[in-house]
Amino acid sequence: MLIRRIEKFLRQTDMAATKFGRLAAQDPRFVLDLRNGRTPRTRTERRVEQFIAAYQENAHVG
């Protein structure tokens, strides 16, 4: 599930959920909405996955 991967990423990077939402999905409420049951579009999910992968590669995280 995407939200589990995001939550793990947030713990590993100590990044605020709102910052992640702004950077990954251009929506500061993105993570909160996912926590409340929002289902992201496939395109948005891919963009978020790509953001996480690029961030981890550049920061050598996780």
PDB file of N, CA and C in Angstrom:
ATOM      1  N   MET A   1       0.834  -1.193   0.000  1.00  0.00           N
ATOM      2  CA  MET A   1       0.000   0.000   0.000  1.00  0.00           C
ATOM      3  C   MET A   1       0.874   1.251   0.000  1.00  0.00           C
ATOM      4  N   LEU A   2       0.436   2.229  -0.723  1.00  0.00           N
ATOM      5  CA  LEU A   2       1.204   3.461  -0.847  1.00  0.00           C
ATOM      6  C   LEU A   2       1.361   4.164   0.500  1.00  0.00           C
ATOM      7  N   ILE A   3       0.302   4.244   1.282  1.00  0.00           N
ATOM      8  CA  ILE A   3       0.377   4.980   2.547  1.00  0.00           C
ATOM      9  C   ILE A   3       1.413   4.345   3.479  1.00  0.00           C
ATOM     10  N   ARG A   4       1.527   3.039   3.476  1.00  0.00           N
ATOM     11  CA  ARG A   4       2.528   2.383   4.326  1.00  0.00           C
ATOM     12  C   ARG A   4       3.940   2.752   3.881  1.00  0.00           C
ATOM     13  N   ARG A   5       4.136   2.772   2.581  1.00  0.00           N
ATOM     14  CA  ARG A   5       5.460   3.141   2.062  1.00  0.00           C
ATOM     15  C   ARG A   5       5.780   4.600   2.408  1.00  0.00           C
ATOM     16  N   ILE A   6       4.790   5.468   2.302  1.00  0.00           N
ATOM     17  CA  ILE A   6       4.990   6.880   2.636  1.00  0.00           C
ATOM     18  C   ILE A   6       5.290   7.029   4.124  1.00  0.00           C
ATOM     19  N   GLU A   7       4.535   6.357   4.976  1.00  0.00           N
ATOM     20  CA  GLU A   7       4.754   6.458   6.424  1.00  0.00           C
ATOM     21  C   GLU A   7       6.166   5.995   6.783  1.00  0.00           C
ATOM     22  N   LYS A   8       6.623   4.909   6.174  1.00  0.00           N
ATOM     23  CA  LYS A   8       7.980   4.427   6.415  1.00  0.00           C
ATOM     24  C   LYS A   8       9.001   5.472   5.963  1.00  0.00           C
ATOM     25  N   PHE A   9       8.779   6.052   4.798  1.00  0.00           N
ATOM     26  CA  PHE A   9       9.664   7.083   4.266  1.00  0.00           C
ATOM     27  C   PHE A   9       9.709   8.292   5.213  1.00  0.00           C
ATOM     28  N   LEU A  10       8.552   8.708   5.715  1.00  0.00           N
ATOM     29  CA  LEU A  10       8.495   9.855   6.625  1.00  0.00           C
ATOM     30  C   LEU A  10       9.285   9.577   7.904  1.00  0.00           C
ATOM     31  N   ARG A  11       9.168   8.356   8.428  1.00  0.00           N
ATOM     32  CA  ARG A  11       9.933   7.997   9.629  1.00  0.00           C
ATOM     33  C   ARG A  11      11.428   7.993   9.340  1.00  0.00           C
ATOM     34  N   GLN A  12      11.823   7.421   8.212  1.00  0.00           N
ATOM     35  CA  GLN A  12      13.245   7.319   7.867  1.00  0.00           C
ATOM     36  C   GLN A  12      13.882   8.681   7.647  1.00  0.00           C
ATOM     37  N   THR A  13      13.143   9.594   7.052  1.00  0.00           N
ATOM     38  CA  THR A  13      13.708  10.894   6.687  1.00  0.00           C
ATOM     39  C   THR A  13      13.381  11.990   7.690  1.00  0.00           C
ATOM     40  N   ASP A  14      12.485  11.701   8.624  1.00  0.00           N
ATOM     41  CA  ASP A  14      12.019  12.695   9.589  1.00  0.00           C
ATOM     42  C   ASP A  14      11.418  13.908   8.877  1.00  0.00           C
ATOM     43  N   MET A  15      10.748  13.645   7.753  1.00  0.00           N
ATOM     44  CA  MET A  15      10.121  14.701   6.967  1.00  0.00           C
ATOM     45  C   MET A  15       8.671  14.870   7.418  1.00  0.00           C
ATOM     46  N   ALA A  16       8.230  16.100   7.491  1.00  0.00           N
ATOM     47  CA  ALA A  16       6.839  16.375   7.838  1.00  0.00           C
ATOM     48  C   ALA A  16       5.921  15.916   6.705  1.00  0.00           C
ATOM     49  N   ALA A  17       4.749  15.432   7.078  1.00  0.00           N
ATOM     50  CA  ALA A  17       3.793  14.948   6.088  1.00  0.00           C
ATOM     51  C   ALA A  17       3.395  16.042   5.104  1.00  0.00           C
ATOM     52  N   THR A  18       3.247  17.269   5.591  1.00  0.00           N
ATOM     53  CA  THR A  18       2.855  18.353   4.696  1.00  0.00           C
ATOM     54  C   THR A  18       3.959  18.693   3.699  1.00  0.00           C
ATOM     55  N   LYS A  19       5.203  18.642   4.156  1.00  0.00           N
ATOM     56  CA  LYS A  19       6.319  18.892   3.247  1.00  0.00           C
ATOM     57  C   LYS A  19       6.382  17.802   2.177  1.00  0.00           C
ATOM     58  N   PHE A  20       6.222  16.557   2.602  1.00  0.00           N
ATOM     59  CA  PHE A  20       6.219  15.461   1.650  1.00  0.00           C
ATOM     60  C   PHE A  20       5.120  15.664   0.603  1.00  0.00           C
ATOM     61  N   GLY A  21       3.939  15.985   1.064  1.00  0.00           N
ATOM     62  CA  GLY A  21       2.817  16.203   0.139  1.00  0.00           C
ATOM     63  C   GLY A  21       3.098  17.295  -0.868  1.00  0.00           C
ATOM     64  N   ARG A  22       3.683  18.395  -0.396  1.00  0.00           N
ATOM     65  CA  ARG A  22       4.024  19.501  -1.305  1.00  0.00           C
ATOM     66  C   ARG A  22       5.048  19.067  -2.341  1.00  0.00           C
ATOM     67  N   LEU A  23       6.093  18.378  -1.893  1.00  0.00           N
ATOM     68  CA  LEU A  23       7.172  17.987  -2.791  1.00  0.00           C
ATOM     69  C   LEU A  23       6.770  16.859  -3.745  1.00  0.00           C
ATOM     70  N   ALA A  24       6.060  15.873  -3.239  1.00  0.00           N
ATOM     71  CA  ALA A  24       5.769  14.673  -4.028  1.00  0.00           C
ATOM     72  C   ALA A  24       4.496  14.778  -4.859  1.00  0.00           C
ATOM     73  N   ALA A  25       3.504  15.501  -4.357  1.00  0.00           N
ATOM     74  CA  ALA A  25       2.201  15.522  -5.028  1.00  0.00           C
ATOM     75  C   ALA A  25       1.640  16.926  -5.231  1.00  0.00           C
ATOM     76  N   GLN A  26       2.421  17.939  -4.888  1.00  0.00           N
ATOM     77  CA  GLN A  26       1.982  19.331  -4.991  1.00  0.00           C
ATOM     78  C   GLN A  26       0.686  19.576  -4.207  1.00  0.00           C
ATOM     79  N   ASP A  27       0.554  18.854  -3.076  1.00  0.00           N
ATOM     80  CA  ASP A  27      -0.636  18.953  -2.240  1.00  0.00           C
ATOM     81  C   ASP A  27      -0.236  18.725  -0.788  1.00  0.00           C
ATOM     82  N   PRO A  28      -0.167  19.788   0.011  1.00  0.00           N
ATOM     83  CA  PRO A  28       0.261  19.614   1.407  1.00  0.00           C
ATOM     84  C   PRO A  28      -0.665  18.708   2.231  1.00  0.00           C
ATOM     85  N   ARG A  29      -1.891  18.521   1.803  1.00  0.00           N
ATOM     86  CA  ARG A  29      -2.836  17.663   2.530  1.00  0.00           C
ATOM     87  C   ARG A  29      -2.831  16.217   2.031  1.00  0.00           C
ATOM     88  N   PHE A  30      -1.969  15.910   1.090  1.00  0.00           N
ATOM     89  CA  PHE A  30      -1.965  14.597   0.443  1.00  0.00           C
ATOM     90  C   PHE A  30      -1.886  13.448   1.444  1.00  0.00           C
ATOM     91  N   VAL A  31      -0.916  13.478   2.352  1.00  0.00           N
ATOM     92  CA  VAL A  31      -0.736  12.374   3.308  1.00  0.00           C
ATOM     93  C   VAL A  31      -1.923  12.303   4.262  1.00  0.00           C
ATOM     94  N   LEU A  32      -2.373  13.440   4.751  1.00  0.00           N
ATOM     95  CA  LEU A  32      -3.535  13.449   5.643  1.00  0.00           C
ATOM     96  C   LEU A  32      -4.752  12.840   4.940  1.00  0.00           C
ATOM     97  N   ASP A  33      -4.949  13.220   3.687  1.00  0.00           N
ATOM     98  CA  ASP A  33      -6.075  12.663   2.932  1.00  0.00           C
ATOM     99  C   ASP A  33      -5.932  11.153   2.747  1.00  0.00           C
ATOM    100  N   LEU A  34      -4.711  10.680   2.481  1.00  0.00           N
ATOM    101  CA  LEU A  34      -4.494   9.227   2.365  1.00  0.00           C
ATOM    102  C   LEU A  34      -4.795   8.539   3.683  1.00  0.00           C
ATOM    103  N   ARG A  35      -4.366   9.144   4.775  1.00  0.00           N
ATOM    104  CA  ARG A  35      -4.636   8.574   6.103  1.00  0.00           C
ATOM    105  C   ARG A  35      -6.135   8.481   6.369  1.00  0.00           C
ATOM    106  N   ASN A  36      -6.892   9.382   5.752  1.00  0.00           N
ATOM    107  CA  ASN A  36      -8.345   9.404   5.925  1.00  0.00           C
ATOM    108  C   ASN A  36      -9.082   8.616   4.847  1.00  0.00           C
ATOM    109  N   GLY A  37      -8.348   7.838   4.049  1.00  0.00           N
ATOM    110  CA  GLY A  37      -9.003   6.944   3.108  1.00  0.00           C
ATOM    111  C   GLY A  37      -8.979   7.355   1.647  1.00  0.00           C
ATOM    112  N   ARG A  38      -8.365   8.467   1.321  1.00  0.00           N
ATOM    113  CA  ARG A  38      -8.297   8.894  -0.085  1.00  0.00           C
ATOM    114  C   ARG A  38      -7.539   7.859  -0.907  1.00  0.00           C
ATOM    115  N   THR A  39      -8.017   7.606  -2.105  1.00  0.00           N
ATOM    116  CA  THR A  39      -7.331   6.724  -3.048  1.00  0.00           C
ATOM    117  C   THR A  39      -6.757   7.601  -4.159  1.00  0.00           C
ATOM    118  N   PRO A  40      -5.431   7.630  -4.293  1.00  0.00           N
ATOM    119  CA  PRO A  40      -4.825   8.490  -5.309  1.00  0.00           C
ATOM    120  C   PRO A  40      -4.994   7.912  -6.713  1.00  0.00           C
ATOM    121  N   ARG A  41      -4.941   8.801  -7.685  1.00  0.00           N
ATOM    122  CA  ARG A  41      -4.963   8.364  -9.074  1.00  0.00           C
ATOM    123  C   ARG A  41      -3.670   7.598  -9.347  1.00  0.00           C
ATOM    124  N   THR A  42      -3.711   6.740 -10.351  1.00  0.00           N
ATOM    125  CA  THR A  42      -2.543   5.942 -10.724  1.00  0.00           C
ATOM    126  C   THR A  42      -1.363   6.843 -11.063  1.00  0.00           C
ATOM    127  N   ARG A  43      -1.617   7.908 -11.800  1.00  0.00           N
ATOM    128  CA  ARG A  43      -0.550   8.841 -12.185  1.00  0.00           C
ATOM    129  C   ARG A  43       0.089   9.493 -10.966  1.00  0.00           C
ATOM    130  N   THR A  44      -0.728   9.883 -10.009  1.00  0.00           N
ATOM    131  CA  THR A  44      -0.223  10.493  -8.779  1.00  0.00           C
ATOM    132  C   THR A  44       0.580   9.480  -7.979  1.00  0.00           C
ATOM    133  N   GLU A  45       0.084   8.266  -7.913  1.00  0.00           N
ATOM    134  CA  GLU A  45       0.792   7.212  -7.184  1.00  0.00           C
ATOM    135  C   GLU A  45       2.175   6.973  -7.801  1.00  0.00           C
ATOM    136  N   ARG A  46       2.239   6.939  -9.135  1.00  0.00           N
ATOM    137  CA  ARG A  46       3.527   6.760  -9.818  1.00  0.00           C
ATOM    138  C   ARG A  46       4.473   7.920  -9.520  1.00  0.00           C
ATOM    139  N   ARG A  47       3.944   9.144  -9.540  1.00  0.00           N
ATOM    140  CA  ARG A  47       4.768  10.327  -9.269  1.00  0.00           C
ATOM    141  C   ARG A  47       5.330  10.269  -7.852  1.00  0.00           C
ATOM    142  N   VAL A  48       4.515   9.860  -6.899  1.00  0.00           N
ATOM    143  CA  VAL A  48       4.953   9.753  -5.504  1.00  0.00           C
ATOM    144  C   VAL A  48       6.019   8.674  -5.362  1.00  0.00           C
ATOM    145  N   GLU A  49       5.808   7.535  -5.984  1.00  0.00           N
ATOM    146  CA  GLU A  49       6.799   6.451  -5.949  1.00  0.00           C
ATOM    147  C   GLU A  49       8.124   6.924  -6.549  1.00  0.00           C
ATOM    148  N   GLN A  50       8.068   7.652  -7.647  1.00  0.00           N
ATOM    149  CA  GLN A  50       9.277   8.170  -8.281  1.00  0.00           C
ATOM    150  C   GLN A  50       9.977   9.182  -7.376  1.00  0.00           C
ATOM    151  N   PHE A  51       9.208  10.021  -6.697  1.00  0.00           N
ATOM    152  CA  PHE A  51       9.782  10.985  -5.768  1.00  0.00           C
ATOM    153  C   PHE A  51      10.535  10.266  -4.654  1.00  0.00           C
ATOM    154  N   ILE A  52       9.906   9.247  -4.067  1.00  0.00           N
ATOM    155  CA  ILE A  52      10.535   8.504  -2.978  1.00  0.00           C
ATOM    156  C   ILE A  52      11.829   7.860  -3.460  1.00  0.00           C
ATOM    157  N   ALA A  53      11.780   7.213  -4.602  1.00  0.00           N
ATOM    158  CA  ALA A  53      12.968   6.542  -5.132  1.00  0.00           C
ATOM    159  C   ALA A  53      14.092   7.539  -5.405  1.00  0.00           C
ATOM    160  N   ALA A  54      13.767   8.659  -6.017  1.00  0.00           N
ATOM    161  CA  ALA A  54      14.791   9.660  -6.329  1.00  0.00           C
ATOM    162  C   ALA A  54      15.364  10.269  -5.060  1.00  0.00           C
ATOM    163  N   TYR A  55      14.515  10.546  -4.091  1.00  0.00           N
ATOM    164  CA  TYR A  55      14.962  11.128  -2.830  1.00  0.00           C
ATOM    165  C   TYR A  55      15.913  10.168  -2.113  1.00  0.00           C
ATOM    166  N   GLN A  56      15.520   8.891  -2.070  1.00  0.00           N
ATOM    167  CA  GLN A  56      16.350   7.902  -1.383  1.00  0.00           C
ATOM    168  C   GLN A  56      17.684   7.723  -2.109  1.00  0.00           C
ATOM    169  N   GLU A  57      17.647   7.736  -3.417  1.00  0.00           N
ATOM    170  CA  GLU A  57      18.888   7.590  -4.177  1.00  0.00           C
ATOM    171  C   GLU A  57      19.822   8.783  -3.943  1.00  0.00           C
ATOM    172  N   ASN A  58      19.273   9.975  -3.956  1.00  0.00           N
ATOM    173  CA  ASN A  58      20.073  11.180  -3.768  1.00  0.00           C
ATOM    174  C   ASN A  58      20.548  11.373  -2.339  1.00  0.00           C
ATOM    175  N   ALA A  59      19.735  10.923  -1.383  1.00  0.00           N
ATOM    176  CA  ALA A  59      20.089  11.113   0.029  1.00  0.00           C
ATOM    177  C   ALA A  59      20.693   9.850   0.642  1.00  0.00           C
ATOM    178  N   HIS A  60      20.722   8.773  -0.141  1.00  0.00           N
ATOM    179  CA  HIS A  60      21.235   7.486   0.346  1.00  0.00           C
ATOM    180  C   HIS A  60      20.488   7.051   1.590  1.00  0.00           C
ATOM    181  N   VAL A  61      19.160   7.118   1.510  1.00  0.00           N
ATOM    182  CA  VAL A  61      18.279   6.750   2.629  1.00  0.00           C
ATOM    183  C   VAL A  61      17.624   5.416   2.315  1.00  0.00           C
ATOM    184  N   GLY A  62      17.471   4.578   3.356  1.00  0.00           N
ATOM    185  CA  GLY A  62      16.703   3.358   3.322  1.00  0.00           C
ATOM    186  C   GLY A  62      17.001   2.422   2.248  1.00  0.00           C
TER     187      GLY A  62
END
